[in-house]
Amino acid sequence: MTKKLIDRLYGLPFVLILLLVLAKYLNLFPIPTWLFGLILVWGAIAVVVEAVRQREKA
């Protein structure tokens, strides 16, 4: 069974958010605010899509 793109990318926003927050608070390198916004929006979309899929299965 092949995975769709959203299935493969579902965990990626969570990992990116954790890495960016860690890098920002440890001052490893400067991270622009728009990048945080982009990752948060991507994560929110992934969560909503997954919630809709779970609701359709039930």
PDB file of N, CA and C in Angstrom:
ATOM      1  N   MET A   1       0.841  -1.172   0.000  1.00  0.00           N
ATOM      2  CA  MET A   1       0.000   0.000   0.000  1.00  0.00           C
ATOM      3  C   MET A   1       0.893   1.244   0.000  1.00  0.00           C
ATOM      4  N   THR A   2       0.716   2.092  -0.967  1.00  0.00           N
ATOM      5  CA  THR A   2       1.560   3.274  -1.054  1.00  0.00           C
ATOM      6  C   THR A   2       0.993   4.380  -0.174  1.00  0.00           C
ATOM      7  N   LYS A   3       1.896   5.179   0.367  1.00  0.00           N
ATOM      8  CA  LYS A   3       1.479   6.306   1.198  1.00  0.00           C
ATOM      9  C   LYS A   3       1.312   7.537   0.328  1.00  0.00           C
ATOM     10  N   LYS A   4       0.294   8.318   0.651  1.00  0.00           N
ATOM     11  CA  LYS A   4       0.111   9.574  -0.052  1.00  0.00           C
ATOM     12  C   LYS A   4       1.074  10.604   0.519  1.00  0.00           C
ATOM     13  N   LEU A   5       1.252  11.689  -0.184  1.00  0.00           N
ATOM     14  CA  LEU A   5       2.198  12.721   0.213  1.00  0.00           C
ATOM     15  C   LEU A   5       1.902  13.261   1.609  1.00  0.00           C
ATOM     16  N   ILE A   6       0.639  13.524   1.912  1.00  0.00           N
ATOM     17  CA  ILE A   6       0.297  14.089   3.219  1.00  0.00           C
ATOM     18  C   ILE A   6       0.599  13.090   4.328  1.00  0.00           C
ATOM     19  N   ASP A   7       0.488  11.794   4.062  1.00  0.00           N
ATOM     20  CA  ASP A   7       0.822  10.786   5.068  1.00  0.00           C
ATOM     21  C   ASP A   7       2.308  10.809   5.381  1.00  0.00           C
ATOM     22  N   ARG A   8       3.109  10.996   4.384  1.00  0.00           N
ATOM     23  CA  ARG A   8       4.558  11.038   4.590  1.00  0.00           C
ATOM     24  C   ARG A   8       4.999  12.327   5.265  1.00  0.00           C
ATOM     25  N   LEU A   9       4.305  13.419   5.027  1.00  0.00           N
ATOM     26  CA  LEU A   9       4.703  14.716   5.565  1.00  0.00           C
ATOM     27  C   LEU A   9       4.026  15.058   6.882  1.00  0.00           C
ATOM     28  N   TYR A  10       3.163  14.197   7.389  1.00  0.00           N
ATOM     29  CA  TYR A  10       2.383  14.524   8.582  1.00  0.00           C
ATOM     30  C   TYR A  10       3.275  14.758   9.797  1.00  0.00           C
ATOM     31  N   GLY A  11       4.291  13.939  10.013  1.00  0.00           N
ATOM     32  CA  GLY A  11       5.170  14.099  11.158  1.00  0.00           C
ATOM     33  C   GLY A  11       6.255  15.140  10.962  1.00  0.00           C
ATOM     34  N   LEU A  12       6.497  15.539   9.739  1.00  0.00           N
ATOM     35  CA  LEU A  12       7.567  16.478   9.435  1.00  0.00           C
ATOM     36  C   LEU A  12       7.378  17.860  10.062  1.00  0.00           C
ATOM     37  N   PRO A  13       6.191  18.459  10.041  1.00  0.00           N
ATOM     38  CA  PRO A  13       6.040  19.769  10.681  1.00  0.00           C
ATOM     39  C   PRO A  13       6.377  19.733  12.172  1.00  0.00           C
ATOM     40  N   PHE A  14       5.990  18.670  12.847  1.00  0.00           N
ATOM     41  CA  PHE A  14       6.281  18.551  14.275  1.00  0.00           C
ATOM     42  C   PHE A  14       7.789  18.532  14.513  1.00  0.00           C
ATOM     43  N   VAL A  15       8.496  17.780  13.718  1.00  0.00           N
ATOM     44  CA  VAL A  15       9.948  17.689  13.858  1.00  0.00           C
ATOM     45  C   VAL A  15      10.600  19.032  13.535  1.00  0.00           C
ATOM     46  N   LEU A  16      10.152  19.686  12.476  1.00  0.00           N
ATOM     47  CA  LEU A  16      10.720  20.985  12.112  1.00  0.00           C
ATOM     48  C   LEU A  16      10.453  22.046  13.171  1.00  0.00           C
ATOM     49  N   ILE A  17       9.263  22.041  13.753  1.00  0.00           N
ATOM     50  CA  ILE A  17       8.947  23.002  14.805  1.00  0.00           C
ATOM     51  C   ILE A  17       9.865  22.787  15.997  1.00  0.00           C
ATOM     52  N   LEU A  18      10.049  21.538  16.393  1.00  0.00           N
ATOM     53  CA  LEU A  18      10.934  21.258  17.524  1.00  0.00           C
ATOM     54  C   LEU A  18      12.374  21.703  17.240  1.00  0.00           C
ATOM     55  N   LEU A  19      12.862  21.405  16.047  1.00  0.00           N
ATOM     56  CA  LEU A  19      14.228  21.794  15.704  1.00  0.00           C
ATOM     57  C   LEU A  19      14.400  23.313  15.636  1.00  0.00           C
ATOM     58  N   LEU A  20      13.421  24.007  15.063  1.00  0.00           N
ATOM     59  CA  LEU A  20      13.514  25.462  14.968  1.00  0.00           C
ATOM     60  C   LEU A  20      13.438  26.129  16.336  1.00  0.00           C
ATOM     61  N   VAL A  21      12.570  25.641  17.204  1.00  0.00           N
ATOM     62  CA  VAL A  21      12.469  26.211  18.549  1.00  0.00           C
ATOM     63  C   VAL A  21      13.765  25.962  19.317  1.00  0.00           C
ATOM     64  N   LEU A  22      14.287  24.764  19.210  1.00  0.00           N
ATOM     65  CA  LEU A  22      15.546  24.443  19.873  1.00  0.00           C
ATOM     66  C   LEU A  22      16.678  25.331  19.354  1.00  0.00           C
ATOM     67  N   ALA A  23      16.764  25.502  18.056  1.00  0.00           N
ATOM     68  CA  ALA A  23      17.818  26.333  17.466  1.00  0.00           C
ATOM     69  C   ALA A  23      17.657  27.799  17.868  1.00  0.00           C
ATOM     70  N   LYS A  24      16.413  28.268  17.935  1.00  0.00           N
ATOM     71  CA  LYS A  24      16.183  29.674  18.292  1.00  0.00           C
ATOM     72  C   LYS A  24      16.577  29.945  19.741  1.00  0.00           C
ATOM     73  N   TYR A  25      16.170  29.088  20.651  1.00  0.00           N
ATOM     74  CA  TYR A  25      16.430  29.357  22.058  1.00  0.00           C
ATOM     75  C   TYR A  25      17.851  29.019  22.489  1.00  0.00           C
ATOM     76  N   LEU A  26      18.542  28.226  21.711  1.00  0.00           N
ATOM     77  CA  LEU A  26      19.951  27.979  21.989  1.00  0.00           C
ATOM     78  C   LEU A  26      20.845  28.933  21.194  1.00  0.00           C
ATOM     79  N   ASN A  27      20.225  29.811  20.416  1.00  0.00           N
ATOM     80  CA  ASN A  27      20.936  30.789  19.580  1.00  0.00           C
ATOM     81  C   ASN A  27      21.972  30.130  18.680  1.00  0.00           C
ATOM     82  N   LEU A  28      21.593  29.029  18.053  1.00  0.00           N
ATOM     83  CA  LEU A  28      22.503  28.348  17.141  1.00  0.00           C
ATOM     84  C   LEU A  28      22.671  29.128  15.842  1.00  0.00           C
ATOM     85  N   PHE A  29      21.568  29.661  15.346  1.00  0.00           N
ATOM     86  CA  PHE A  29      21.605  30.512  14.158  1.00  0.00           C
ATOM     87  C   PHE A  29      20.322  31.332  14.131  1.00  0.00           C
ATOM     88  N   PRO A  30      20.344  32.495  13.480  1.00  0.00           N
ATOM     89  CA  PRO A  30      19.144  33.341  13.443  1.00  0.00           C
ATOM     90  C   PRO A  30      18.055  32.707  12.575  1.00  0.00           C
ATOM     91  N   ILE A  31      16.847  32.727  13.104  1.00  0.00           N
ATOM     92  CA  ILE A  31      15.708  32.158  12.385  1.00  0.00           C
ATOM     93  C   ILE A  31      14.676  33.266  12.189  1.00  0.00           C
ATOM     94  N   PRO A  32      14.318  33.561  10.941  1.00  0.00           N
ATOM     95  CA  PRO A  32      13.332  34.618  10.685  1.00  0.00           C
ATOM     96  C   PRO A  32      11.936  34.216  11.167  1.00  0.00           C
ATOM     97  N   THR A  33      11.168  35.213  11.532  1.00  0.00           N
ATOM     98  CA  THR A  33       9.818  34.989  12.037  1.00  0.00           C
ATOM     99  C   THR A  33       8.921  34.362  10.971  1.00  0.00           C
ATOM    100  N   TRP A  34       9.098  34.746   9.715  1.00  0.00           N
ATOM    101  CA  TRP A  34       8.244  34.209   8.662  1.00  0.00           C
ATOM    102  C   TRP A  34       8.434  32.702   8.516  1.00  0.00           C
ATOM    103  N   LEU A  35       9.625  32.209   8.821  1.00  0.00           N
ATOM    104  CA  LEU A  35       9.866  30.767   8.747  1.00  0.00           C
ATOM    105  C   LEU A  35       9.073  30.028   9.823  1.00  0.00           C
ATOM    106  N   PHE A  36       9.038  30.595  11.036  1.00  0.00           N
ATOM    107  CA  PHE A  36       8.206  30.012  12.089  1.00  0.00           C
ATOM    108  C   PHE A  36       6.742  29.992  11.657  1.00  0.00           C
ATOM    109  N   GLY A  37       6.289  31.091  11.093  1.00  0.00           N
ATOM    110  CA  GLY A  37       4.900  31.174  10.643  1.00  0.00           C
ATOM    111  C   GLY A  37       4.584  30.141   9.583  1.00  0.00           C
ATOM    112  N   LEU A  38       5.478  29.982   8.637  1.00  0.00           N
ATOM    113  CA  LEU A  38       5.275  29.016   7.567  1.00  0.00           C
ATOM    114  C   LEU A  38       5.187  27.586   8.113  1.00  0.00           C
ATOM    115  N   ILE A  39       6.083  27.234   9.015  1.00  0.00           N
ATOM    116  CA  ILE A  39       6.079  25.897   9.597  1.00  0.00           C
ATOM    117  C   ILE A  39       4.831  25.680  10.448  1.00  0.00           C
ATOM    118  N   LEU A  40       4.408  26.690  11.201  1.00  0.00           N
ATOM    119  CA  LEU A  40       3.198  26.547  12.017  1.00  0.00           C
ATOM    120  C   LEU A  40       1.949  26.365  11.155  1.00  0.00           C
ATOM    121  N   VAL A  41       1.862  27.110  10.072  1.00  0.00           N
ATOM    122  CA  VAL A  41       0.717  26.961   9.165  1.00  0.00           C
ATOM    123  C   VAL A  41       0.723  25.571   8.533  1.00  0.00           C
ATOM    124  N   TRP A  42       1.888  25.116   8.112  1.00  0.00           N
ATOM    125  CA  TRP A  42       2.017  23.788   7.520  1.00  0.00           C
ATOM    126  C   TRP A  42       1.582  22.713   8.527  1.00  0.00           C
ATOM    127  N   GLY A  43       2.005  22.848   9.748  1.00  0.00           N
ATOM    128  CA  GLY A  43       1.626  21.900  10.789  1.00  0.00           C
ATOM    129  C   GLY A  43       0.131  21.925  11.054  1.00  0.00           C
ATOM    130  N   ALA A  44      -0.459  23.115  11.084  1.00  0.00           N
ATOM    131  CA  ALA A  44      -1.894  23.229  11.320  1.00  0.00           C
ATOM    132  C   ALA A  44      -2.690  22.577  10.193  1.00  0.00           C
ATOM    133  N   ILE A  45      -2.271  22.774   8.967  1.00  0.00           N
ATOM    134  CA  ILE A  45      -2.952  22.160   7.827  1.00  0.00           C
ATOM    135  C   ILE A  45      -2.852  20.639   7.906  1.00  0.00           C
ATOM    136  N   ALA A  46      -1.692  20.129   8.269  1.00  0.00           N
ATOM    137  CA  ALA A  46      -1.514  18.680   8.378  1.00  0.00           C
ATOM    138  C   ALA A  46      -2.420  18.094   9.456  1.00  0.00           C
ATOM    139  N   VAL A  47      -2.548  18.780  10.581  1.00  0.00           N
ATOM    140  CA  VAL A  47      -3.401  18.299  11.668  1.00  0.00           C
ATOM    141  C   VAL A  47      -4.872  18.306  11.243  1.00  0.00           C
ATOM    142  N   VAL A  48      -5.307  19.364  10.579  1.00  0.00           N
ATOM    143  CA  VAL A  48      -6.700  19.449  10.139  1.00  0.00           C
ATOM    144  C   VAL A  48      -7.006  18.367   9.105  1.00  0.00           C
ATOM    145  N   VAL A  49      -6.113  18.159   8.159  1.00  0.00           N
ATOM    146  CA  VAL A  49      -6.329  17.121   7.143  1.00  0.00           C
ATOM    147  C   VAL A  49      -6.421  15.747   7.793  1.00  0.00           C
ATOM    148  N   GLU A  50      -5.562  15.471   8.750  1.00  0.00           N
ATOM    149  CA  GLU A  50      -5.596  14.180   9.436  1.00  0.00           C
ATOM    150  C   GLU A  50      -6.885  14.016  10.238  1.00  0.00           C
ATOM    151  N   ALA A  51      -7.352  15.090  10.871  1.00  0.00           N
ATOM    152  CA  ALA A  51      -8.600  15.034  11.640  1.00  0.00           C
ATOM    153  C   ALA A  51      -9.788  14.748  10.724  1.00  0.00           C
ATOM    154  N   VAL A  52      -9.809  15.375   9.568  1.00  0.00           N
ATOM    155  CA  VAL A  52     -10.894  15.137   8.611  1.00  0.00           C
ATOM    156  C   VAL A  52     -10.859  13.692   8.124  1.00  0.00           C
ATOM    157  N   ARG A  53      -9.680  13.160   7.870  1.00  0.00           N
ATOM    158  CA  ARG A  53      -9.565  11.769   7.432  1.00  0.00           C
ATOM    159  C   ARG A  53     -10.057  10.804   8.507  1.00  0.00           C
ATOM    160  N   GLN A  54      -9.686  11.062   9.764  1.00  0.00           N
ATOM    161  CA  GLN A  54     -10.120  10.178  10.851  1.00  0.00           C
ATOM    162  C   GLN A  54     -11.638  10.244  11.013  1.00  0.00           C
ATOM    163  N   ARG A  55     -12.204  11.409  10.819  1.00  0.00           N
ATOM    164  CA  ARG A  55     -13.656  11.554  10.944  1.00  0.00           C
ATOM    165  C   ARG A  55     -14.377  10.809   9.817  1.00  0.00           C
ATOM    166  N   GLU A  56     -13.809  10.845   8.619  1.00  0.00           N
ATOM    167  CA  GLU A  56     -14.434  10.153   7.494  1.00  0.00           C
ATOM    168  C   GLU A  56     -14.373   8.645   7.668  1.00  0.00           C
ATOM    169  N   LYS A  57     -13.331   8.136   8.317  1.00  0.00           N
ATOM    170  CA  LYS A  57     -13.205   6.701   8.536  1.00  0.00           C
ATOM    171  C   LYS A  57     -14.226   6.199   9.547  1.00  0.00           C
ATOM    172  N   ALA A  58     -14.594   7.039  10.510  1.00  0.00           N
ATOM    173  CA  ALA A  58     -15.513   6.617  11.581  1.00  0.00           C
ATOM    174  C   ALA A  58     -16.947   6.587  11.122  1.00  0.00           C
TER     175      ALA A  58
END
